[in-house]
Protein backbone atom coordinates (compact mmCIF):
# COMPACT_ATOMS: atom_id res chain seq x y z
CA MET A 1 5.91 -14.55 -26.85
CA PRO A 2 7.45 -13.31 -23.53
CA LEU A 3 7.43 -15.65 -20.53
CA VAL A 4 6.00 -13.28 -17.75
CA LEU A 5 4.70 -13.44 -14.28
CA ALA A 6 1.88 -11.07 -14.52
CA SER A 7 -1.31 -12.57 -13.65
CA ALA A 8 -3.35 -10.43 -16.04
CA LEU A 9 -1.57 -12.23 -19.08
CA VAL A 10 -2.34 -15.85 -17.79
CA ALA A 11 -5.35 -16.19 -19.97
CA ALA A 12 -4.27 -14.04 -22.95
CA LEU A 13 -0.75 -15.65 -23.43
CA ALA A 14 -1.12 -18.95 -21.96
CA THR A 15 1.49 -18.11 -19.25
CA PRO A 16 2.48 -21.15 -17.18
CA ALA A 17 0.25 -22.06 -14.10
CA TRP A 18 2.88 -21.11 -11.54
CA ALA A 19 2.53 -17.42 -12.26
CA ARG A 20 2.01 -15.29 -9.46
CA THR A 21 1.41 -11.66 -8.66
CA THR A 22 2.38 -10.54 -5.09
CA PRO A 23 5.76 -11.19 -3.69
CA GLY A 24 4.60 -12.08 -0.14
CA ASP A 25 1.79 -14.47 -1.24
CA THR A 26 2.25 -18.17 -1.26
CA ARG A 27 -0.03 -20.02 -3.67
CA GLU A 28 -0.53 -23.45 -4.68
CA GLY A 29 1.74 -24.43 -7.56
CA GLU A 30 4.13 -21.58 -7.27
CA PRO A 31 7.97 -22.15 -7.98
CA PRO A 32 10.08 -23.69 -5.24
CA GLY A 33 12.04 -21.11 -3.28
CA THR A 34 9.88 -18.14 -4.00
CA GLY A 35 7.38 -18.73 -1.14
CA GLY A 36 6.58 -16.01 1.21
CA GLY A 37 4.87 -15.63 4.65
CA ARG A 38 4.59 -13.31 7.70
CA GLN A 39 6.69 -13.01 10.72
CA GLY A 40 5.01 -10.24 13.27
CA ASP A 41 4.86 -7.08 11.07
CA THR A 42 7.17 -8.40 8.36
CA LEU A 43 5.96 -9.63 5.04
CA THR A 44 8.59 -11.79 3.44
CA ALA A 45 8.97 -12.98 -0.28
CA GLY A 46 11.55 -15.66 -0.21
CA ALA A 47 15.53 -15.21 -0.48
CA ALA A 48 15.26 -13.11 -3.95
CA GLY A 49 12.16 -11.32 -3.48
CA ILE A 50 10.87 -8.11 -1.52
CA SER A 51 10.13 -7.97 2.26
CA TYR A 52 8.19 -5.33 4.00
CA THR A 53 8.52 -4.43 7.59
CA ARG A 54 5.67 -1.97 9.11
CA SER A 55 6.28 0.23 12.40
CA GLY A 56 4.03 2.87 14.29
CA GLY A 57 0.65 3.85 13.66
CA GLY A 58 -0.85 4.60 17.06
CA GLY A 59 -3.77 2.62 18.67
CA GLY A 60 -6.99 1.21 16.98
CA ASN A 61 -7.77 -2.18 15.52
CA LYS A 62 -9.27 -0.84 12.30
CA VAL A 63 -6.56 0.28 9.65
CA ALA A 64 -6.74 0.98 5.76
CA PRO A 65 -4.37 1.91 3.02
CA LEU A 66 -3.92 5.73 2.14
CA THR A 67 -5.49 7.30 -1.15
CA ALA A 68 -2.68 9.24 -2.69
CA ALA A 69 -3.56 12.65 -3.97
CA GLY A 70 -4.15 13.41 -7.58
CA ASN A 71 -3.80 10.33 -9.87
CA TRP A 72 -0.61 8.87 -8.44
CA THR A 73 -0.22 5.37 -7.73
CA PRO A 74 2.72 2.92 -7.29
CA PRO A 75 4.00 1.20 -10.35
CA PRO A 76 1.53 -1.41 -11.42
CA CYS A 77 4.37 -3.75 -12.26
CA TYR A 78 8.32 -4.21 -11.78
CA TYR A 79 11.01 -6.50 -12.13
CA ALA A 80 13.15 -8.04 -9.27
CA PRO A 81 15.28 -11.03 -8.56
CA ARG A 82 13.20 -14.26 -8.55
CA TYR A 83 15.13 -17.35 -9.08
CA THR A 84 18.49 -19.00 -8.69
CA PRO A 85 19.63 -21.16 -11.45
CA GLN A 86 18.45 -24.07 -9.74
CA GLU A 87 15.13 -22.66 -8.94
CA LEU A 88 14.48 -21.71 -12.49
CA GLU A 89 15.42 -25.16 -13.72
CA ASP A 90 12.96 -26.60 -11.15
CA THR A 91 10.23 -24.36 -12.35
CA LEU A 92 10.55 -24.51 -16.12
CA VAL A 93 11.41 -28.25 -16.59
CA PRO A 94 8.31 -29.62 -15.37
CA ILE A 95 6.31 -27.13 -17.47
CA TRP A 96 8.10 -28.25 -20.48
CA GLN A 97 7.54 -32.05 -19.55
CA ALA A 98 3.69 -31.37 -19.16
CA GLU A 99 3.80 -29.74 -22.59
CA SER A 100 0.83 -27.51 -21.58
CA THR A 101 2.11 -24.46 -23.24
CA GLY A 102 2.84 -25.96 -26.78
CA HIS A 103 5.78 -27.68 -28.22
CA GLU A 104 6.97 -24.72 -30.14
CA TRP A 105 6.96 -22.60 -27.02
CA ASP A 106 8.69 -25.10 -24.85
CA LEU A 107 11.19 -25.60 -27.49
CA SER A 108 12.11 -21.84 -27.60
CA GLN A 109 12.25 -21.52 -24.01
CA LYS A 110 14.36 -24.71 -23.79
CA LYS A 111 16.83 -23.34 -26.31
CA LYS A 112 16.83 -20.08 -24.40
CA TYR A 113 17.68 -21.17 -20.89
CA GLU A 114 19.31 -24.53 -21.32
CA ASP A 115 20.70 -25.02 -24.55
CA GLY A 116 22.91 -21.86 -24.80
CA GLU A 117 20.97 -19.57 -27.04
CA PRO A 118 22.12 -17.45 -25.21
CA TYR A 119 22.03 -19.10 -21.80
CA LYS A 120 23.41 -22.51 -20.87
CA ASP A 121 22.16 -24.80 -18.27
CA PHE A 122 20.14 -22.16 -16.50
CA ASN A 123 23.54 -20.27 -15.72
CA LYS A 124 24.31 -22.91 -12.98
CA ASP A 125 27.91 -21.92 -13.70
CA LYS A 126 27.21 -18.55 -12.12
CA ALA A 127 25.33 -20.03 -9.17
CA GLY A 128 25.81 -17.43 -6.07
CA LYS A 129 26.80 -14.76 -8.62
CA GLY A 130 23.46 -13.40 -9.72
CA PHE A 131 19.92 -13.89 -10.02
CA TRP A 132 17.32 -14.46 -12.60
CA TRP A 133 14.98 -11.53 -12.73
CA ALA A 134 11.25 -11.60 -13.71
CA SER A 135 8.24 -9.45 -13.50
CA TYR A 136 5.75 -8.94 -10.58
CA VAL A 137 2.44 -7.24 -10.43
CA THR A 138 2.01 -4.82 -7.59
CA PRO A 139 -0.82 -5.91 -5.18
CA GLY A 140 -4.04 -4.50 -6.18
CA PHE A 141 -3.19 -3.99 -9.89
CA GLU A 142 -3.86 -7.34 -11.12
CA GLY A 143 -6.46 -6.25 -13.72
CA ASP A 144 -4.84 -2.93 -14.43
CA PRO A 145 -3.61 -2.35 -18.24
CA GLY A 146 -0.48 -0.95 -16.76
CA SER A 147 0.39 -4.33 -15.28
CA LEU A 148 0.97 -5.52 -18.91
CA ALA A 149 3.81 -3.05 -19.39
CA CYS A 150 6.46 -5.90 -17.70
CA ASP A 151 6.40 -8.05 -20.58
CA GLN A 152 10.01 -9.01 -20.72
CA GLU A 153 11.14 -12.71 -20.45
CA ILE A 154 13.23 -13.92 -17.62
CA PHE A 155 16.78 -12.42 -17.73
CA TRP A 156 19.82 -12.94 -15.68
CA VAL A 157 22.02 -10.07 -13.87
CA ASP A 158 25.15 -10.71 -12.29
CA LYS A 159 25.57 -9.57 -8.78
CA GLY A 160 26.85 -5.76 -8.56
CA ASP A 161 25.67 -5.20 -12.20
CA PRO A 162 22.83 -2.86 -12.95
CA PRO A 163 19.65 -4.55 -14.93
CA PRO A 164 19.61 -3.78 -18.65
CA ALA A 165 18.94 -0.22 -19.51
CA ASN A 166 15.85 -1.11 -21.55
CA ILE A 167 14.06 -2.24 -18.46
CA PRO A 168 12.88 0.86 -16.65
CA GLN A 169 10.55 -0.95 -14.23
CA ALA A 170 13.65 -2.59 -12.85
CA ILE A 171 13.51 -2.38 -9.00
CA THR A 172 15.43 0.67 -7.35
CA PRO A 173 15.36 2.16 -3.90
CA GLU A 174 12.69 4.68 -5.30
CA ILE A 175 10.55 2.22 -6.84
CA LEU A 176 10.79 0.07 -3.35
CA ALA A 177 9.59 3.38 -1.56
CA GLN A 178 6.72 3.72 -4.02
CA LEU A 179 5.68 0.01 -3.36
CA ALA A 180 5.98 0.68 0.44
CA TYR A 181 3.76 3.40 0.07
CA GLY A 182 0.91 0.99 -0.92
CA GLU A 183 1.44 -1.13 1.92
CA ILE A 184 1.00 1.63 4.44
CA ARG A 185 -1.79 1.00 6.89
CA VAL A 186 -3.23 4.05 8.91
CA PRO A 187 -5.83 3.84 11.70
CA GLY A 188 -9.49 4.41 10.89
CA THR A 189 -10.84 7.78 11.45
CA GLU A 190 -14.20 7.48 13.78
CA VAL A 191 -13.91 10.28 15.94
CA GLU A 192 -15.35 11.00 19.35
CA LEU A 193 -18.48 13.23 19.42
CA ALA A 194 -20.30 15.19 22.31
CA PRO A 195 -22.33 15.94 23.95
CA GLY A 196 -23.16 12.15 23.74
CA GLY A 197 -26.31 10.65 22.31
CA GLU A 198 -28.00 13.08 19.69
CA SER A 199 -26.66 16.49 18.40
CA LYS A 200 -28.63 19.52 19.09
CA VAL A 201 -29.44 22.20 16.48
CA ASN A 202 -27.55 25.23 16.86
CA LEU A 203 -25.67 23.85 19.59
CA PRO A 204 -21.79 22.83 18.89
CA THR A 205 -21.00 19.33 18.67
CA TRP A 206 -17.46 18.69 19.97
CA VAL A 207 -15.09 16.36 17.80
CA TRP A 208 -11.98 15.17 19.25
CA LEU A 209 -9.77 12.13 19.49
CA GLU A 210 -7.37 10.96 22.46
CA LYS A 211 -3.60 11.34 22.02
CA ALA A 212 -1.60 8.69 20.36
CA LYS A 213 -4.41 7.59 17.93
CA PHE A 214 -2.58 9.37 15.07
CA THR A 215 1.16 8.96 14.80
CA PRO A 216 3.67 8.40 12.04
CA VAL A 217 3.44 5.06 10.01
CA SER A 218 6.56 3.50 8.38
CA VAL A 219 7.09 0.67 5.78
CA THR A 220 10.54 -0.56 4.93
CA ALA A 221 10.79 -2.27 1.79
CA ARG A 222 14.04 -4.29 1.11
CA VAL A 223 15.79 -6.60 -1.44
CA ASP A 224 18.29 -8.51 0.62
CA ALA A 225 19.62 -10.12 -2.68
CA LEU A 226 20.48 -6.67 -3.82
CA GLY A 227 21.46 -4.98 -0.64
CA ILE A 228 18.85 -2.06 -1.17
CA GLU A 229 16.13 -0.90 0.86
CA ALA A 230 13.75 2.18 1.32
CA THR A 231 11.57 3.37 4.27
CA THR A 232 8.24 5.39 3.23
CA THR A 233 6.85 7.23 6.40
CA ALA A 234 3.42 8.76 6.47
CA GLU A 235 2.93 11.54 9.23
CA PRO A 236 -0.65 12.93 10.12
CA VAL A 237 -1.21 16.49 9.47
CA SER A 238 -4.80 17.40 9.82
CA LEU A 239 -8.26 16.13 10.18
CA ARG A 240 -11.14 17.49 7.92
CA ILE A 241 -14.55 17.52 9.01
CA GLU A 242 -17.72 17.36 6.47
CA PRO A 243 -20.85 17.40 8.25
CA GLY A 244 -22.89 15.76 5.50
CA THR A 245 -25.25 18.50 5.03
CA ALA A 246 -24.94 22.20 3.81
CA ASP A 247 -26.99 23.30 6.96
CA ALA A 248 -24.03 23.31 9.21
CA ARG A 249 -20.96 25.26 10.36
CA THR A 250 -17.62 23.64 10.89
CA LEU A 251 -15.38 24.44 13.78
CA PRO A 252 -12.79 26.18 12.79
CA ALA A 253 -14.65 27.51 9.63
CA SER A 254 -12.26 25.78 7.47
CA GLY A 255 -13.24 22.32 8.69
CA THR A 256 -9.77 21.53 9.09
CA CYS A 257 -8.34 20.70 12.72
CA PRO A 258 -4.63 20.23 13.25
CA ILE A 259 -3.35 17.09 14.72
CA ARG A 260 -0.97 17.76 17.73
CA ASP A 261 2.58 15.95 18.11
CA ASP A 262 1.10 13.60 20.63
CA GLY A 263 -1.49 12.40 18.01
CA SER A 264 -4.59 13.93 19.48
CA ILE A 265 -7.23 16.18 17.71
CA GLY A 266 -9.47 18.69 19.29
CA GLU A 267 -10.26 18.79 23.07
CA PRO A 268 -12.51 16.34 25.00
CA TYR A 269 -15.82 17.33 25.85
CA ALA A 270 -16.70 17.65 29.69
CA PRO A 271 -19.55 18.60 31.31
CA GLY A 272 -19.68 22.48 31.84
CA LYS A 273 -18.40 23.03 28.42
CA ALA A 274 -21.54 23.41 26.76
CA ASP A 275 -21.23 27.24 26.29
CA ARG A 276 -17.87 27.02 25.07
CA THR A 277 -16.83 26.86 21.46
CA PRO A 278 -14.75 23.78 20.62
CA PRO A 279 -11.59 24.03 18.75
CA CYS A 280 -12.78 21.28 16.43
CA GLY A 281 -16.48 20.38 15.97
CA VAL A 282 -19.52 21.31 13.90
CA THR A 283 -22.90 23.14 14.54
CA TYR A 284 -25.90 21.77 12.76
CA LEU A 285 -28.38 24.45 11.79
CA ARG A 286 -31.38 22.00 11.11
CA SER A 287 -32.57 18.62 12.44
CA SER A 288 -31.81 15.47 10.69
CA ARG A 289 -35.57 14.55 11.06
CA GLU A 290 -36.06 10.83 11.39
CA GLY A 291 -32.64 10.13 9.80
CA SER A 292 -29.20 11.02 10.44
CA PHE A 293 -26.29 13.18 8.63
CA PRO A 294 -23.14 11.41 7.21
CA LEU A 295 -20.34 13.14 9.08
CA ARG A 296 -17.09 12.36 7.22
CA ALA A 297 -13.80 12.64 9.01
CA THR A 298 -10.75 12.38 6.63
CA VAL A 299 -6.99 12.59 8.13
CA THR A 300 -4.44 13.99 5.53
CA TRP A 301 -0.86 12.51 5.63
CA LYS A 302 2.29 13.87 4.61
CA VAL A 303 4.46 11.11 2.97
CA HIS A 304 8.12 10.94 2.21
CA TRP A 305 10.87 8.43 1.78
CA THR A 306 14.57 7.69 2.05
CA GLY A 307 16.64 4.62 1.04
CA THR A 308 19.90 3.12 -0.11
CA GLY A 309 21.94 5.76 -1.69
CA VAL A 310 19.78 8.78 -1.18
CA ASN A 311 20.63 11.81 0.82
CA GLY A 312 17.64 13.14 2.91
CA GLU A 313 13.93 12.93 2.82
CA GLN A 314 12.26 12.70 -0.50
CA PRO A 315 8.52 13.74 -0.82
CA LEU A 316 5.85 11.51 -2.15
CA PRO A 317 2.37 12.70 -2.91
CA GLU A 318 -0.02 13.13 0.18
CA GLY A 319 -2.43 10.49 1.33
CA SER A 320 -5.90 10.53 2.94
CA PHE A 321 -8.20 8.15 4.55
CA GLY A 322 -11.65 8.95 5.85
CA ALA A 323 -14.77 7.47 7.05
CA GLU A 324 -18.35 8.19 7.74
CA GLN A 325 -20.41 8.00 11.02
CA ASP A 326 -24.15 8.80 11.48
CA VAL A 327 -25.00 11.78 13.51
CA VAL A 328 -28.38 12.23 14.72
CA VAL A 329 -29.45 16.00 15.24
CA ARG A 330 -32.50 16.87 17.15
CA GLU A 331 -34.33 20.25 17.84
CA VAL A 332 -33.70 21.64 21.20
CA GLN A 333 -36.54 20.86 23.47
CA SER A 334 -34.91 22.00 26.84
CA VAL A 335 -31.50 22.57 27.68
CA ASN A 336 -30.11 22.19 31.36
CA ARG A 337 -26.66 24.18 31.88
């Protein structure tokens, strides 16, 4: 029975109580030396874990993760350095002493990591020359069946050596980039609408966002123990408008408004523009009666990465994030121009 760190296996395999899923979380009962924390925009996971650093993103207090195009997701689980020899001993010995995982299980693990079958005394003679690697479950995938794929027992890797060839989920710059994708947070997409108050039937509603709202967002993931890192960057491309009813026309007709280099979208409305056609907007063809229409604004982000040993930018699937806001539409009673 493998000793794994995926929380999904805790109940099924009686995995020890110190199992945790997120390198960066600090939870009661986790092993010494693996605790994480936050310093500003940096999430840390201890000396042998992954750290994430966020930068960019423009203005706004509301942020959210990207939804990748298609069915793409970061890997549900992966392997990375976890323990020094002393940390592994400090983790396993109390579990064996508690006899909470059964005598046969404890004996087999003691033979493997302490008694020389095949490791001797937790590899203390190699202290500073490598790490014990173990599995992690990617945040958000704790109940995903894919997280069960990382079921190898804790194993040793010397510094400078690659992990065993039969471990396809071992951490690499590319996997770091995919994990960093999951850590990207982009601004919310509540847009400005005008004329203010209520929209009017057959009159254009202007849609815009001020400059610097949408700018590139980057997350750098690194494993200091291995000297590898990857930076994943999301760049805003366009805003798509969905009026919330078929009885409407988007402006432009495609419903997609480009995002300028300064992060602005559309053109702000001002008095005197009522007879003009906005570069980004919507015209409702009927009233919302006593209710409202759920206008949805979705920003599409182009995503790429670069990292240790990689030449040039490498593509990742596009991402998007959208939100709805209620638009009340009334019949025109009188219009002052």
